[in-house]
Amino acid sequence: RRLPKIPKGTRDFTPEEMA
């Protein structure tokens, strides 16, 4: 899947998955 710019500390989790 496409990975948007992720903040440091996160691995390959997208904002939607972290919500």
Protein backbone atom coordinates (compact mmCIF):
# COMPACT_ATOMS: atom_id res chain seq x y z
CA ARG A 1 0.00 0.00 0.00
CA ARG A 2 1.08 3.58 -0.42
CA LEU A 3 2.77 5.10 2.58
CA PRO A 4 2.27 8.82 3.15
CA LYS A 5 4.86 10.82 5.05
CA ILE A 6 4.93 9.17 8.45
CA PRO A 7 6.11 10.93 11.60
CA LYS A 8 9.22 9.62 13.34
CA GLY A 9 8.46 6.81 15.76
CA THR A 10 5.87 5.23 13.52
CA ARG A 11 6.79 2.28 11.37
CA ASP A 12 4.55 1.63 8.39
CA PHE A 13 1.33 2.71 10.02
CA THR A 14 -0.79 5.21 8.16
CA PRO A 15 -2.83 7.88 9.98
CA GLU A 16 -5.94 5.85 9.24
CA GLU A 17 -4.50 2.77 10.93
CA MET A 18 -3.39 4.76 13.96
CA ALA A 19 -6.80 6.38 14.36
